[in-house]
């Protein structure tokens, strides 16, 4: 494993769950999916527009072991920092890793 792939940060993984009420209202809540070790680095990607609006600003790239089920819309968190998963690339799945493009959420 190269230095760039060193999984040296313990982060919490959360998956989105849609909760629907009997009256038809729905909300997204995040359910803790456990702890994962991550290699986190700043992204060198620019923001982009999707259908005339900002689709997200890639602020970081994370690598973690495959098999977590992580997908776009999930969250990774470390203390007070929260990162929304914009996209997941599993092209390196054979090496046992997936790469996630993240946006750091601001409160």
N, C-alpha and C. Protein backbone atom coordinates (compact mmCIF):
# COMPACT_ATOMS: atom_id res chain seq x y z
N UNK A 1 0.85 -1.17 0.00
CA UNK A 1 0.00 0.00 0.00
C UNK A 1 0.90 1.24 0.00
N UNK A 2 0.63 2.16 -0.91
CA UNK A 2 1.43 3.38 -1.00
C UNK A 2 1.08 4.33 0.13
N UNK A 3 1.91 5.36 0.31
CA UNK A 3 1.66 6.35 1.36
C UNK A 3 0.32 7.04 1.15
N UNK A 4 -0.07 7.26 -0.12
CA UNK A 4 -1.35 7.92 -0.42
C UNK A 4 -2.54 7.05 -0.02
N UNK A 5 -2.34 5.74 0.07
CA UNK A 5 -3.42 4.82 0.40
C UNK A 5 -3.41 4.41 1.88
N UNK A 6 -2.54 5.01 2.68
CA UNK A 6 -2.46 4.65 4.09
C UNK A 6 -3.75 5.06 4.80
N UNK A 7 -4.46 4.09 5.30
CA UNK A 7 -5.74 4.33 5.95
C UNK A 7 -5.48 4.69 7.41
N UNK A 8 -5.22 5.97 7.66
CA UNK A 8 -4.72 6.40 8.96
C UNK A 8 -5.70 7.25 9.77
N UNK A 9 -6.93 7.40 9.30
CA UNK A 9 -7.92 8.22 10.03
C UNK A 9 -9.14 7.38 10.34
N UNK A 10 -9.52 7.35 11.59
CA UNK A 10 -10.76 6.66 11.97
C UNK A 10 -11.90 7.65 11.80
N UNK A 11 -12.90 7.28 11.00
CA UNK A 11 -14.05 8.14 10.75
C UNK A 11 -15.33 7.32 10.94
N UNK A 12 -16.42 8.02 11.19
CA UNK A 12 -17.73 7.37 11.30
C UNK A 12 -18.42 7.43 9.94
N UNK A 13 -19.06 6.34 9.59
CA UNK A 13 -19.78 6.23 8.33
C UNK A 13 -21.27 6.23 8.64
N UNK A 14 -22.04 7.05 7.91
CA UNK A 14 -23.49 7.13 8.12
C UNK A 14 -24.21 7.00 6.79
N UNK A 15 -25.25 6.20 6.79
CA UNK A 15 -26.04 6.01 5.57
C UNK A 15 -27.35 6.77 5.68
N UNK A 16 -27.84 7.31 4.56
CA UNK A 16 -29.12 8.02 4.60
C UNK A 16 -30.29 7.02 4.59
N UNK A 17 -31.28 7.29 5.41
CA UNK A 17 -32.50 6.50 5.43
C UNK A 17 -33.68 7.45 5.27
N UNK A 18 -34.57 7.12 4.37
CA UNK A 18 -35.77 7.94 4.14
C UNK A 18 -36.87 7.45 5.07
N UNK A 19 -37.39 8.36 5.87
CA UNK A 19 -38.46 8.04 6.80
C UNK A 19 -39.72 8.74 6.30
N UNK A 20 -40.78 7.95 6.07
CA UNK A 20 -42.03 8.52 5.58
C UNK A 20 -43.10 8.42 6.66
N UNK A 21 -43.80 9.51 6.88
CA UNK A 21 -44.91 9.55 7.83
C UNK A 21 -46.19 9.15 7.13
N UNK A 22 -47.20 8.83 7.90
CA UNK A 22 -48.49 8.40 7.34
C UNK A 22 -49.14 9.50 6.51
N UNK A 23 -48.82 10.78 6.82
CA UNK A 23 -49.42 11.88 6.07
C UNK A 23 -48.69 12.18 4.77
N UNK A 24 -47.67 11.38 4.43
CA UNK A 24 -46.95 11.56 3.18
C UNK A 24 -45.68 12.37 3.28
N UNK A 25 -45.46 13.02 4.41
CA UNK A 25 -44.21 13.77 4.59
C UNK A 25 -43.05 12.79 4.74
N UNK A 26 -41.90 13.21 4.26
CA UNK A 26 -40.72 12.36 4.34
C UNK A 26 -39.52 13.20 4.74
N UNK A 27 -38.58 12.56 5.40
CA UNK A 27 -37.33 13.22 5.74
C UNK A 27 -36.21 12.20 5.67
N UNK A 28 -35.01 12.72 5.50
CA UNK A 28 -33.82 11.87 5.46
C UNK A 28 -33.13 11.96 6.82
N UNK A 29 -32.89 10.81 7.42
CA UNK A 29 -32.11 10.75 8.66
C UNK A 29 -30.88 9.90 8.37
N UNK A 30 -29.83 10.15 9.10
CA UNK A 30 -28.59 9.41 8.89
C UNK A 30 -28.39 8.41 10.02
N UNK A 31 -28.16 7.15 9.64
CA UNK A 31 -27.98 6.07 10.58
C UNK A 31 -26.51 5.68 10.61
N UNK A 32 -25.96 5.58 11.80
CA UNK A 32 -24.56 5.21 11.95
C UNK A 32 -24.33 3.81 11.39
N UNK A 33 -23.34 3.68 10.52
CA UNK A 33 -23.01 2.39 9.91
C UNK A 33 -21.67 1.87 10.40
N UNK A 34 -21.12 2.50 11.42
CA UNK A 34 -19.88 2.00 12.01
C UNK A 34 -18.68 2.87 11.71
N UNK A 35 -17.55 2.39 12.19
CA UNK A 35 -16.28 3.10 12.04
C UNK A 35 -15.50 2.51 10.87
N UNK A 36 -14.83 3.38 10.12
CA UNK A 36 -13.97 2.94 9.01
C UNK A 36 -12.66 3.71 9.09
N UNK A 37 -11.61 3.10 8.55
CA UNK A 37 -10.33 3.80 8.45
C UNK A 37 -10.19 4.33 7.04
N UNK A 38 -9.77 5.59 6.94
CA UNK A 38 -9.81 6.34 5.69
C UNK A 38 -8.47 7.04 5.44
N UNK A 39 -8.08 7.12 4.17
CA UNK A 39 -7.00 8.01 3.73
C UNK A 39 -7.70 9.23 3.16
N UNK A 40 -7.53 10.39 3.80
CA UNK A 40 -8.24 11.61 3.41
C UNK A 40 -7.25 12.62 2.87
N UNK A 41 -7.58 13.22 1.72
CA UNK A 41 -6.70 14.22 1.11
C UNK A 41 -7.56 15.32 0.47
N UNK A 42 -7.03 16.55 0.39
CA UNK A 42 -7.76 17.61 -0.31
C UNK A 42 -7.95 17.24 -1.78
N UNK A 43 -9.08 17.64 -2.33
CA UNK A 43 -9.36 17.38 -3.74
C UNK A 43 -8.78 18.48 -4.59
N UNK A 44 -8.45 18.15 -5.81
CA UNK A 44 -7.97 19.16 -6.74
C UNK A 44 -9.01 19.38 -7.84
N UNK A 45 -10.26 19.04 -7.54
CA UNK A 45 -11.33 19.18 -8.52
C UNK A 45 -12.06 20.50 -8.32
N UNK A 46 -12.62 21.01 -9.39
CA UNK A 46 -13.36 22.27 -9.33
C UNK A 46 -14.85 21.98 -9.18
N UNK A 47 -15.58 23.00 -8.78
CA UNK A 47 -17.03 22.85 -8.69
C UNK A 47 -17.60 22.73 -10.10
N UNK A 48 -18.81 22.22 -10.19
CA UNK A 48 -19.43 22.06 -11.50
C UNK A 48 -20.91 22.35 -11.40
N UNK A 49 -21.49 22.69 -12.52
CA UNK A 49 -22.92 22.95 -12.56
C UNK A 49 -23.62 21.76 -13.17
N UNK A 50 -24.76 21.40 -12.58
CA UNK A 50 -25.58 20.30 -13.06
C UNK A 50 -26.98 20.86 -13.26
N UNK A 51 -27.47 20.79 -14.48
CA UNK A 51 -28.80 21.32 -14.80
C UNK A 51 -28.97 22.76 -14.35
N UNK A 52 -27.94 23.57 -14.55
CA UNK A 52 -28.02 24.98 -14.25
C UNK A 52 -27.83 25.34 -12.79
N UNK A 53 -27.47 24.37 -11.94
CA UNK A 53 -27.23 24.70 -10.53
C UNK A 53 -25.95 24.01 -10.07
N UNK A 54 -25.42 24.51 -8.99
CA UNK A 54 -24.21 23.93 -8.44
C UNK A 54 -24.52 22.55 -7.89
N UNK A 55 -23.82 21.52 -8.40
CA UNK A 55 -24.09 20.14 -8.00
C UNK A 55 -23.31 19.72 -6.79
N UNK A 56 -22.37 20.49 -6.35
CA UNK A 56 -21.55 20.15 -5.20
C UNK A 56 -20.13 20.58 -5.46
N UNK A 57 -19.42 20.86 -4.42
CA UNK A 57 -18.03 21.28 -4.54
C UNK A 57 -17.17 20.19 -3.93
N UNK A 58 -16.37 19.57 -4.75
CA UNK A 58 -15.49 18.50 -4.25
C UNK A 58 -14.37 19.14 -3.46
N UNK A 59 -14.34 18.86 -2.16
CA UNK A 59 -13.31 19.44 -1.30
C UNK A 59 -12.25 18.43 -0.89
N UNK A 60 -12.61 17.14 -0.87
CA UNK A 60 -11.69 16.10 -0.43
C UNK A 60 -11.90 14.81 -1.21
N UNK A 61 -10.88 13.97 -1.16
CA UNK A 61 -10.96 12.62 -1.72
C UNK A 61 -10.61 11.66 -0.58
N UNK A 62 -11.39 10.61 -0.45
CA UNK A 62 -11.14 9.62 0.59
C UNK A 62 -10.99 8.25 -0.04
N UNK A 63 -10.10 7.46 0.51
CA UNK A 63 -9.96 6.06 0.12
C UNK A 63 -10.24 5.21 1.35
N UNK A 64 -11.03 4.16 1.15
CA UNK A 64 -11.32 3.24 2.24
C UNK A 64 -11.51 1.85 1.69
N UNK A 65 -11.51 0.89 2.58
CA UNK A 65 -11.67 -0.50 2.14
C UNK A 65 -13.04 -0.71 1.51
N UNK A 66 -13.04 -1.51 0.45
CA UNK A 66 -14.32 -1.82 -0.20
C UNK A 66 -15.11 -2.76 0.71
N UNK A 67 -16.39 -2.85 0.48
CA UNK A 67 -17.23 -3.74 1.26
C UNK A 67 -18.10 -3.02 2.27
N UNK A 68 -17.96 -1.71 2.38
CA UNK A 68 -18.79 -0.96 3.33
C UNK A 68 -20.17 -0.65 2.77
N UNK A 69 -20.32 -0.74 1.45
CA UNK A 69 -21.59 -0.39 0.81
C UNK A 69 -21.76 1.09 0.58
N UNK A 70 -20.72 1.88 0.83
CA UNK A 70 -20.80 3.33 0.71
C UNK A 70 -21.23 3.74 -0.69
N UNK A 71 -22.05 4.78 -0.75
CA UNK A 71 -22.58 5.28 -2.03
C UNK A 71 -22.79 6.78 -1.91
N UNK A 72 -23.08 7.43 -3.03
CA UNK A 72 -23.37 8.85 -3.02
C UNK A 72 -24.50 9.16 -2.05
N UNK A 73 -24.36 10.27 -1.32
CA UNK A 73 -25.36 10.66 -0.34
C UNK A 73 -25.03 10.23 1.07
N UNK A 74 -24.12 9.26 1.23
CA UNK A 74 -23.69 8.85 2.57
C UNK A 74 -22.84 9.96 3.18
N UNK A 75 -22.46 9.80 4.42
CA UNK A 75 -21.61 10.77 5.11
C UNK A 75 -20.45 10.07 5.81
N UNK A 76 -19.34 10.78 5.85
CA UNK A 76 -18.20 10.40 6.69
C UNK A 76 -18.01 11.55 7.67
N UNK A 77 -17.72 11.24 8.92
CA UNK A 77 -17.51 12.31 9.89
C UNK A 77 -16.32 11.99 10.78
N UNK A 78 -15.70 13.06 11.25
CA UNK A 78 -14.55 12.97 12.14
C UNK A 78 -14.69 14.13 13.12
N UNK A 79 -15.07 13.83 14.35
CA UNK A 79 -15.32 14.90 15.31
C UNK A 79 -16.47 15.78 14.82
N UNK A 80 -16.22 17.08 14.73
CA UNK A 80 -17.24 18.01 14.25
C UNK A 80 -17.26 18.16 12.73
N UNK A 81 -16.28 17.59 12.05
CA UNK A 81 -16.23 17.69 10.59
C UNK A 81 -17.11 16.62 9.96
N UNK A 82 -17.93 17.04 8.98
CA UNK A 82 -18.83 16.13 8.28
C UNK A 82 -18.59 16.29 6.79
N UNK A 83 -18.47 15.16 6.10
CA UNK A 83 -18.22 15.13 4.66
C UNK A 83 -19.34 14.36 3.98
N UNK A 84 -19.96 15.00 2.97
CA UNK A 84 -21.00 14.34 2.17
C UNK A 84 -20.34 13.64 0.99
N UNK A 85 -20.71 12.40 0.75
CA UNK A 85 -20.16 11.64 -0.37
C UNK A 85 -20.88 12.06 -1.64
N UNK A 86 -20.12 12.65 -2.58
CA UNK A 86 -20.69 13.07 -3.86
C UNK A 86 -20.69 11.93 -4.87
N UNK A 87 -19.62 11.13 -4.86
CA UNK A 87 -19.49 10.04 -5.82
C UNK A 87 -18.53 8.99 -5.27
N UNK A 88 -18.71 7.75 -5.75
CA UNK A 88 -17.85 6.64 -5.34
C UNK A 88 -17.30 5.98 -6.60
N UNK A 89 -15.99 5.78 -6.63
CA UNK A 89 -15.33 5.11 -7.74
C UNK A 89 -14.75 3.80 -7.21
N UNK A 90 -15.27 2.69 -7.71
CA UNK A 90 -14.78 1.40 -7.24
C UNK A 90 -13.87 0.71 -8.26
N UNK A 91 -13.23 1.50 -9.13
CA UNK A 91 -12.35 0.94 -10.15
C UNK A 91 -11.18 0.17 -9.53
N UNK A 92 -10.78 0.53 -8.31
CA UNK A 92 -9.68 -0.14 -7.63
C UNK A 92 -10.18 -1.23 -6.68
N UNK A 93 -11.42 -1.66 -6.88
CA UNK A 93 -12.04 -2.66 -6.01
C UNK A 93 -11.17 -3.91 -5.85
N UNK A 94 -10.52 -4.33 -6.91
CA UNK A 94 -9.65 -5.52 -6.83
C UNK A 94 -8.51 -5.34 -5.85
N UNK A 95 -8.09 -4.09 -5.66
CA UNK A 95 -7.03 -3.83 -4.69
C UNK A 95 -7.60 -3.74 -3.27
N UNK A 96 -8.93 -3.81 -3.16
CA UNK A 96 -9.58 -3.76 -1.85
C UNK A 96 -9.95 -2.37 -1.40
N UNK A 97 -9.84 -1.37 -2.29
CA UNK A 97 -10.13 0.01 -1.93
C UNK A 97 -11.18 0.62 -2.85
N UNK A 98 -11.93 1.59 -2.31
CA UNK A 98 -12.80 2.44 -3.12
C UNK A 98 -12.38 3.88 -2.87
N UNK A 99 -12.61 4.73 -3.86
CA UNK A 99 -12.30 6.15 -3.75
C UNK A 99 -13.60 6.94 -3.75
N UNK A 100 -13.71 7.88 -2.82
CA UNK A 100 -14.91 8.70 -2.70
C UNK A 100 -14.55 10.17 -2.91
N UNK A 101 -15.35 10.87 -3.65
CA UNK A 101 -15.23 12.31 -3.80
C UNK A 101 -16.18 12.92 -2.78
N UNK A 102 -15.64 13.83 -1.94
CA UNK A 102 -16.40 14.36 -0.81
C UNK A 102 -16.57 15.87 -0.88
N UNK A 103 -17.60 16.34 -0.22
CA UNK A 103 -17.80 17.77 0.00
C UNK A 103 -17.89 17.98 1.51
N UNK A 104 -17.02 18.82 2.05
CA UNK A 104 -17.09 19.10 3.48
C UNK A 104 -18.27 20.03 3.73
N UNK A 105 -19.15 19.61 4.63
CA UNK A 105 -20.33 20.41 4.95
C UNK A 105 -19.95 21.45 5.97
N UNK A 106 -20.53 22.62 5.82
CA UNK A 106 -20.28 23.69 6.78
C UNK A 106 -21.54 23.96 7.56
N UNK A 107 -21.39 24.23 8.83
CA UNK A 107 -22.55 24.42 9.70
C UNK A 107 -22.89 25.81 9.83
